[in-house]
Amino acid sequence: MIPTLLALPVFVTMLVNDAPKPLPSFQPLTREDIRAARDKFDRDMKLDTKRPWDGTNLRPANTESPTPEKPKSD
């Protein structure tokens, strides 16, 4: 009888701790929330995305020597 009385509080504590937790409530998304999230994602992607051609000079190198300036005659 005594071991049963000692085990009962442990058993009840286990049942209380293992009880399912209530799910967190959430607000339904509105069109404005979706649009704002999409705009934020687009802004972040533009900042994070580096394309191979960003920051490179795609023009061919100028191999001709620059023409010397002619002196002005007064």
PDB file of N, CA and C in Angstrom:
ATOM      1  N   MET A   1       0.825  -1.194   0.000  1.00  0.00           N
ATOM      2  CA  MET A   1       0.000   0.000   0.000  1.00  0.00           C
ATOM      3  C   MET A   1       0.874   1.263   0.000  1.00  0.00           C
ATOM      4  N   ILE A   2       1.910   1.287   0.791  1.00  0.00           N
ATOM      5  CA  ILE A   2       2.786   2.441   0.900  1.00  0.00           C
ATOM      6  C   ILE A   2       3.495   2.703  -0.434  1.00  0.00           C
ATOM      7  N   PRO A   3       4.058   1.674  -1.141  1.00  0.00           N
ATOM      8  CA  PRO A   3       4.684   1.972  -2.430  1.00  0.00           C
ATOM      9  C   PRO A   3       3.695   2.558  -3.435  1.00  0.00           C
ATOM     10  N   THR A   4       2.441   2.151  -3.388  1.00  0.00           N
ATOM     11  CA  THR A   4       1.430   2.694  -4.292  1.00  0.00           C
ATOM     12  C   THR A   4       1.198   4.168  -4.000  1.00  0.00           C
ATOM     13  N   LEU A   5       1.144   4.513  -2.732  1.00  0.00           N
ATOM     14  CA  LEU A   5       0.926   5.916  -2.362  1.00  0.00           C
ATOM     15  C   LEU A   5       2.122   6.773  -2.747  1.00  0.00           C
ATOM     16  N   LEU A   6       3.303   6.205  -2.719  1.00  0.00           N
ATOM     17  CA  LEU A   6       4.486   6.963  -3.105  1.00  0.00           C
ATOM     18  C   LEU A   6       4.575   7.116  -4.628  1.00  0.00           C
ATOM     19  N   ALA A   7       4.086   6.139  -5.375  1.00  0.00           N
ATOM     20  CA  ALA A   7       4.170   6.173  -6.828  1.00  0.00           C
ATOM     21  C   ALA A   7       3.068   7.039  -7.436  1.00  0.00           C
ATOM     22  N   LEU A   8       1.969   7.209  -6.729  1.00  0.00           N
ATOM     23  CA  LEU A   8       0.837   7.970  -7.267  1.00  0.00           C
ATOM     24  C   LEU A   8       1.203   9.414  -7.610  1.00  0.00           C
ATOM     25  N   PRO A   9       1.904  10.172  -6.754  1.00  0.00           N
ATOM     26  CA  PRO A   9       2.263  11.544  -7.149  1.00  0.00           C
ATOM     27  C   PRO A   9       3.191  11.588  -8.360  1.00  0.00           C
ATOM     28  N   VAL A  10       4.096  10.627  -8.471  1.00  0.00           N
ATOM     29  CA  VAL A  10       4.986  10.581  -9.625  1.00  0.00           C
ATOM     30  C   VAL A  10       4.180  10.319 -10.885  1.00  0.00           C
ATOM     31  N   PHE A  11       3.232   9.404 -10.820  1.00  0.00           N
ATOM     32  CA  PHE A  11       2.397   9.076 -11.974  1.00  0.00           C
ATOM     33  C   PHE A  11       1.540  10.271 -12.391  1.00  0.00           C
ATOM     34  N   VAL A  12       0.954  10.965 -11.443  1.00  0.00           N
ATOM     35  CA  VAL A  12       0.117  12.133 -11.753  1.00  0.00           C
ATOM     36  C   VAL A  12       0.972  13.242 -12.362  1.00  0.00           C
ATOM     37  N   THR A  13       2.174  13.432 -11.842  1.00  0.00           N
ATOM     38  CA  THR A  13       3.072  14.448 -12.389  1.00  0.00           C
ATOM     39  C   THR A  13       3.436  14.125 -13.832  1.00  0.00           C
ATOM     40  N   MET A  14       3.675  12.859 -14.121  1.00  0.00           N
ATOM     41  CA  MET A  14       3.991  12.458 -15.494  1.00  0.00           C
ATOM     42  C   MET A  14       2.819  12.719 -16.417  1.00  0.00           C
ATOM     43  N   LEU A  15       1.605  12.449 -15.968  1.00  0.00           N
ATOM     44  CA  LEU A  15       0.430  12.693 -16.801  1.00  0.00           C
ATOM     45  C   LEU A  15       0.242  14.177 -17.083  1.00  0.00           C
ATOM     46  N   VAL A  16       0.464  15.005 -16.079  1.00  0.00           N
ATOM     47  CA  VAL A  16       0.285  16.455 -16.253  1.00  0.00           C
ATOM     48  C   VAL A  16       1.334  17.013 -17.200  1.00  0.00           C
ATOM     49  N   ASN A  17       2.580  16.569 -17.079  1.00  0.00           N
ATOM     50  CA  ASN A  17       3.651  17.091 -17.925  1.00  0.00           C
ATOM     51  C   ASN A  17       3.536  16.602 -19.359  1.00  0.00           C
ATOM     52  N   ASP A  18       2.965  15.445 -19.587  1.00  0.00           N
ATOM     53  CA  ASP A  18       2.837  14.900 -20.935  1.00  0.00           C
ATOM     54  C   ASP A  18       1.534  15.294 -21.615  1.00  0.00           C
ATOM     55  N   ALA A  19       0.746  16.124 -20.981  1.00  0.00           N
ATOM     56  CA  ALA A  19      -0.526  16.542 -21.578  1.00  0.00           C
ATOM     57  C   ALA A  19      -0.231  17.356 -22.837  1.00  0.00           C
ATOM     58  N   PRO A  20      -1.067  17.199 -23.870  1.00  0.00           N
ATOM     59  CA  PRO A  20      -0.826  17.969 -25.101  1.00  0.00           C
ATOM     60  C   PRO A  20      -0.957  19.469 -24.844  1.00  0.00           C
ATOM     61  N   LYS A  21      -0.055  20.205 -25.417  1.00  0.00           N
ATOM     62  CA  LYS A  21      -0.062  21.662 -25.266  1.00  0.00           C
ATOM     63  C   LYS A  21      -1.029  22.264 -26.283  1.00  0.00           C
ATOM     64  N   PRO A  22      -1.703  23.321 -25.918  1.00  0.00           N
ATOM     65  CA  PRO A  22      -2.595  23.959 -26.896  1.00  0.00           C
ATOM     66  C   PRO A  22      -1.779  24.571 -28.037  1.00  0.00           C
ATOM     67  N   LEU A  23      -2.323  24.521 -29.226  1.00  0.00           N
ATOM     68  CA  LEU A  23      -1.655  25.097 -30.389  1.00  0.00           C
ATOM     69  C   LEU A  23      -1.681  26.613 -30.308  1.00  0.00           C
ATOM     70  N   PRO A  24      -0.617  27.276 -30.742  1.00  0.00           N
ATOM     71  CA  PRO A  24      -0.627  28.742 -30.724  1.00  0.00           C
ATOM     72  C   PRO A  24      -1.649  29.273 -31.721  1.00  0.00           C
ATOM     73  N   SER A  25      -2.334  30.298 -31.310  1.00  0.00           N
ATOM     74  CA  SER A  25      -3.324  30.887 -32.212  1.00  0.00           C
ATOM     75  C   SER A  25      -2.605  31.770 -33.232  1.00  0.00           C
ATOM     76  N   PHE A  26      -3.165  31.907 -34.389  1.00  0.00           N
ATOM     77  CA  PHE A  26      -2.558  32.736 -35.423  1.00  0.00           C
ATOM     78  C   PHE A  26      -3.635  33.596 -36.067  1.00  0.00           C
ATOM     79  N   GLN A  27      -3.198  34.722 -36.570  1.00  0.00           N
ATOM     80  CA  GLN A  27      -4.095  35.631 -37.256  1.00  0.00           C
ATOM     81  C   GLN A  27      -4.182  35.217 -38.716  1.00  0.00           C
ATOM     82  N   PRO A  28      -5.353  35.214 -39.292  1.00  0.00           N
ATOM     83  CA  PRO A  28      -5.443  34.873 -40.712  1.00  0.00           C
ATOM     84  C   PRO A  28      -4.734  35.924 -41.560  1.00  0.00           C
ATOM     85  N   LEU A  29      -4.094  35.472 -42.620  1.00  0.00           N
ATOM     86  CA  LEU A  29      -3.366  36.389 -43.495  1.00  0.00           C
ATOM     87  C   LEU A  29      -4.335  37.164 -44.379  1.00  0.00           C
ATOM     88  N   THR A  30      -4.036  38.423 -44.551  1.00  0.00           N
ATOM     89  CA  THR A  30      -4.837  39.248 -45.451  1.00  0.00           C
ATOM     90  C   THR A  30      -4.032  39.470 -46.729  1.00  0.00           C
ATOM     91  N   ARG A  31      -4.659  40.033 -47.720  1.00  0.00           N
ATOM     92  CA  ARG A  31      -3.963  40.313 -48.978  1.00  0.00           C
ATOM     93  C   ARG A  31      -2.808  41.284 -48.766  1.00  0.00           C
ATOM     94  N   GLU A  32      -3.002  42.234 -47.861  1.00  0.00           N
ATOM     95  CA  GLU A  32      -1.938  43.201 -47.590  1.00  0.00           C
ATOM     96  C   GLU A  32      -0.732  42.515 -46.943  1.00  0.00           C
ATOM     97  N   ASP A  33      -0.990  41.553 -46.044  1.00  0.00           N
ATOM     98  CA  ASP A  33       0.110  40.823 -45.413  1.00  0.00           C
ATOM     99  C   ASP A  33       0.894  40.033 -46.454  1.00  0.00           C
ATOM    100  N   ILE A  34       0.184  39.384 -47.350  1.00  0.00           N
ATOM    101  CA  ILE A  34       0.841  38.586 -48.391  1.00  0.00           C
ATOM    102  C   ILE A  34       1.641  39.487 -49.318  1.00  0.00           C
ATOM    103  N   ARG A  35       1.066  40.618 -49.707  1.00  0.00           N
ATOM    104  CA  ARG A  35       1.754  41.543 -50.602  1.00  0.00           C
ATOM    105  C   ARG A  35       2.999  42.118 -49.935  1.00  0.00           C
ATOM    106  N   ALA A  36       2.884  42.460 -48.650  1.00  0.00           N
ATOM    107  CA  ALA A  36       4.032  43.002 -47.925  1.00  0.00           C
ATOM    108  C   ALA A  36       5.138  41.955 -47.797  1.00  0.00           C
ATOM    109  N   ALA A  37       4.762  40.715 -47.521  1.00  0.00           N
ATOM    110  CA  ALA A  37       5.763  39.648 -47.408  1.00  0.00           C
ATOM    111  C   ALA A  37       6.440  39.403 -48.754  1.00  0.00           C
ATOM    112  N   ARG A  38       5.671  39.449 -49.834  1.00  0.00           N
ATOM    113  CA  ARG A  38       6.244  39.243 -51.172  1.00  0.00           C
ATOM    114  C   ARG A  38       7.196  40.372 -51.529  1.00  0.00           C
ATOM    115  N   ASP A  39       6.818  41.616 -51.221  1.00  0.00           N
ATOM    116  CA  ASP A  39       7.691  42.762 -51.500  1.00  0.00           C
ATOM    117  C   ASP A  39       8.981  42.675 -50.693  1.00  0.00           C
ATOM    118  N   LYS A  40       8.876  42.287 -49.423  1.00  0.00           N
ATOM    119  CA  LYS A  40      10.068  42.150 -48.582  1.00  0.00           C
ATOM    120  C   LYS A  40      10.978  41.059 -49.135  1.00  0.00           C
ATOM    121  N   PHE A  41      10.402  39.942 -49.564  1.00  0.00           N
ATOM    122  CA  PHE A  41      11.193  38.861 -50.137  1.00  0.00           C
ATOM    123  C   PHE A  41      11.906  39.328 -51.395  1.00  0.00           C
ATOM    124  N   ASP A  42      11.199  40.068 -52.254  1.00  0.00           N
ATOM    125  CA  ASP A  42      11.818  40.565 -53.488  1.00  0.00           C
ATOM    126  C   ASP A  42      12.967  41.517 -53.187  1.00  0.00           C
ATOM    127  N   ARG A  43      12.783  42.416 -52.200  1.00  0.00           N
ATOM    128  CA  ARG A  43      13.852  43.347 -51.832  1.00  0.00           C
ATOM    129  C   ARG A  43      15.063  42.588 -51.299  1.00  0.00           C
ATOM    130  N   ASP A  44      14.824  41.606 -50.440  1.00  0.00           N
ATOM    131  CA  ASP A  44      15.936  40.834 -49.879  1.00  0.00           C
ATOM    132  C   ASP A  44      16.646  40.035 -50.952  1.00  0.00           C
ATOM    133  N   MET A  45      15.914  39.485 -51.906  1.00  0.00           N
ATOM    134  CA  MET A  45      16.540  38.692 -52.960  1.00  0.00           C
ATOM    135  C   MET A  45      17.392  39.576 -53.856  1.00  0.00           C
ATOM    136  N   LYS A  46      16.944  40.796 -54.130  1.00  0.00           N
ATOM    137  CA  LYS A  46      17.744  41.702 -54.957  1.00  0.00           C
ATOM    138  C   LYS A  46      19.042  42.072 -54.253  1.00  0.00           C
ATOM    139  N   LEU A  47      19.008  42.179 -52.926  1.00  0.00           N
ATOM    140  CA  LEU A  47      20.217  42.520 -52.189  1.00  0.00           C
ATOM    141  C   LEU A  47      21.158  41.321 -52.089  1.00  0.00           C
ATOM    142  N   ASP A  48      20.605  40.118 -51.968  1.00  0.00           N
ATOM    143  CA  ASP A  48      21.429  38.929 -51.749  1.00  0.00           C
ATOM    144  C   ASP A  48      21.909  38.280 -53.035  1.00  0.00           C
ATOM    145  N   THR A  49      21.221  38.518 -54.138  1.00  0.00           N
ATOM    146  CA  THR A  49      21.539  37.801 -55.367  1.00  0.00           C
ATOM    147  C   THR A  49      22.656  38.509 -56.118  1.00  0.00           C
ATOM    148  N   LYS A  50      23.700  37.789 -56.407  1.00  0.00           N
ATOM    149  CA  LYS A  50      24.793  38.316 -57.221  1.00  0.00           C
ATOM    150  C   LYS A  50      24.838  37.492 -58.502  1.00  0.00           C
ATOM    151  N   ARG A  51      24.647  38.159 -59.612  1.00  0.00           N
ATOM    152  CA  ARG A  51      24.713  37.466 -60.895  1.00  0.00           C
ATOM    153  C   ARG A  51      26.137  37.538 -61.412  1.00  0.00           C
ATOM    154  N   PRO A  52      26.520  36.596 -62.261  1.00  0.00           N
ATOM    155  CA  PRO A  52      27.899  36.589 -62.759  1.00  0.00           C
ATOM    156  C   PRO A  52      28.282  37.875 -63.490  1.00  0.00           C
ATOM    157  N   TRP A  53      27.338  38.535 -64.107  1.00  0.00           N
ATOM    158  CA  TRP A  53      27.674  39.717 -64.901  1.00  0.00           C
ATOM    159  C   TRP A  53      27.562  41.013 -64.102  1.00  0.00           C
ATOM    160  N   ASP A  54      27.179  40.952 -62.839  1.00  0.00           N
ATOM    161  CA  ASP A  54      27.122  42.161 -62.025  1.00  0.00           C
ATOM    162  C   ASP A  54      28.523  42.655 -61.694  1.00  0.00           C
ATOM    163  N   GLY A  55      28.766  43.904 -61.935  1.00  0.00           N
ATOM    164  CA  GLY A  55      30.025  44.507 -61.560  1.00  0.00           C
ATOM    165  C   GLY A  55      31.178  44.205 -62.492  1.00  0.00           C
ATOM    166  N   THR A  56      30.900  43.641 -63.648  1.00  0.00           N
ATOM    167  CA  THR A  56      31.982  43.371 -64.591  1.00  0.00           C
ATOM    168  C   THR A  56      31.847  44.303 -65.776  1.00  0.00           C
ATOM    169  N   ASN A  57      32.952  44.559 -66.435  1.00  0.00           N
ATOM    170  CA  ASN A  57      32.955  45.416 -67.612  1.00  0.00           C
ATOM    171  C   ASN A  57      32.831  44.507 -68.832  1.00  0.00           C
ATOM    172  N   LEU A  58      31.704  44.544 -69.500  1.00  0.00           N
ATOM    173  CA  LEU A  58      31.468  43.657 -70.623  1.00  0.00           C
ATOM    174  C   LEU A  58      31.957  44.237 -71.947  1.00  0.00           C
ATOM    175  N   ARG A  59      32.401  45.498 -71.932  1.00  0.00           N
ATOM    176  CA  ARG A  59      32.911  46.092 -73.166  1.00  0.00           C
ATOM    177  C   ARG A  59      34.296  45.545 -73.476  1.00  0.00           C
ATOM    178  N   PRO A  60      34.610  45.373 -74.751  1.00  0.00           N
ATOM    179  CA  PRO A  60      35.954  44.872 -75.071  1.00  0.00           C
ATOM    180  C   PRO A  60      37.008  45.909 -74.693  1.00  0.00           C
ATOM    181  N   ALA A  61      38.169  45.409 -74.380  1.00  0.00           N
ATOM    182  CA  ALA A  61      39.259  46.296 -73.985  1.00  0.00           C
ATOM    183  C   ALA A  61      39.671  47.152 -75.180  1.00  0.00           C
ATOM    184  N   ASN A  62      39.987  48.392 -74.941  1.00  0.00           N
ATOM    185  CA  ASN A  62      40.400  49.313 -75.984  1.00  0.00           C
ATOM    186  C   ASN A  62      41.889  49.090 -76.251  1.00  0.00           C
ATOM    187  N   THR A  63      42.207  48.479 -77.393  1.00  0.00           N
ATOM    188  CA  THR A  63      43.604  48.161 -77.704  1.00  0.00           C
ATOM    189  C   THR A  63      44.302  49.270 -78.468  1.00  0.00           C
ATOM    190  N   GLU A  64      43.549  50.214 -78.988  1.00  0.00           N
ATOM    191  CA  GLU A  64      44.158  51.309 -79.745  1.00  0.00           C
ATOM    192  C   GLU A  64      44.698  52.352 -78.775  1.00  0.00           C
ATOM    193  N   SER A  65      45.822  52.937 -79.135  1.00  0.00           N
ATOM    194  CA  SER A  65      46.367  53.984 -78.307  1.00  0.00           C
ATOM    195  C   SER A  65      45.547  55.246 -78.513  1.00  0.00           C
ATOM    196  N   PRO A  66      45.358  56.034 -77.489  1.00  0.00           N
ATOM    197  CA  PRO A  66      44.567  57.265 -77.643  1.00  0.00           C
ATOM    198  C   PRO A  66      45.276  58.231 -78.591  1.00  0.00           C
ATOM    199  N   THR A  67      44.501  58.891 -79.384  1.00  0.00           N
ATOM    200  CA  THR A  67      45.068  59.879 -80.330  1.00  0.00           C
ATOM    201  C   THR A  67      45.530  61.111 -79.578  1.00  0.00           C
ATOM    202  N   PRO A  68      46.708  61.600 -79.871  1.00  0.00           N
ATOM    203  CA  PRO A  68      47.178  62.791 -79.157  1.00  0.00           C
ATOM    204  C   PRO A  68      46.355  64.006 -79.571  1.00  0.00           C
ATOM    205  N   GLU A  69      46.163  64.887 -78.616  1.00  0.00           N
ATOM    206  CA  GLU A  69      45.394  66.095 -78.915  1.00  0.00           C
ATOM    207  C   GLU A  69      46.231  67.042 -79.775  1.00  0.00           C
ATOM    208  N   LYS A  70      45.572  67.653 -80.703  1.00  0.00           N
ATOM    209  CA  LYS A  70      46.264  68.605 -81.584  1.00  0.00           C
ATOM    210  C   LYS A  70      46.340  69.948 -80.863  1.00  0.00           C
ATOM    211  N   PRO A  71      47.471  70.607 -80.970  1.00  0.00           N
ATOM    212  CA  PRO A  71      47.565  71.932 -80.340  1.00  0.00           C
ATOM    213  C   PRO A  71      46.645  72.908 -81.072  1.00  0.00           C
ATOM    214  N   LYS A  72      46.043  73.752 -80.301  1.00  0.00           N
ATOM    215  CA  LYS A  72      45.139  74.744 -80.870  1.00  0.00           C
ATOM    216  C   LYS A  72      45.955  75.882 -81.455  1.00  0.00           C
ATOM    217  N   SER A  73      45.594  76.304 -82.638  1.00  0.00           N
ATOM    218  CA  SER A  73      46.287  77.431 -83.246  1.00  0.00           C
ATOM    219  C   SER A  73      45.444  78.693 -83.039  1.00  0.00           C
ATOM    220  N   ASP A  74      46.117  79.735 -82.594  1.00  0.00           N
ATOM    221  CA  ASP A  74      45.412  81.011 -82.357  1.00  0.00           C
ATOM    222  C   ASP A  74      45.619  81.952 -83.492  1.00  0.00           C
TER     223      ASP A  74
END
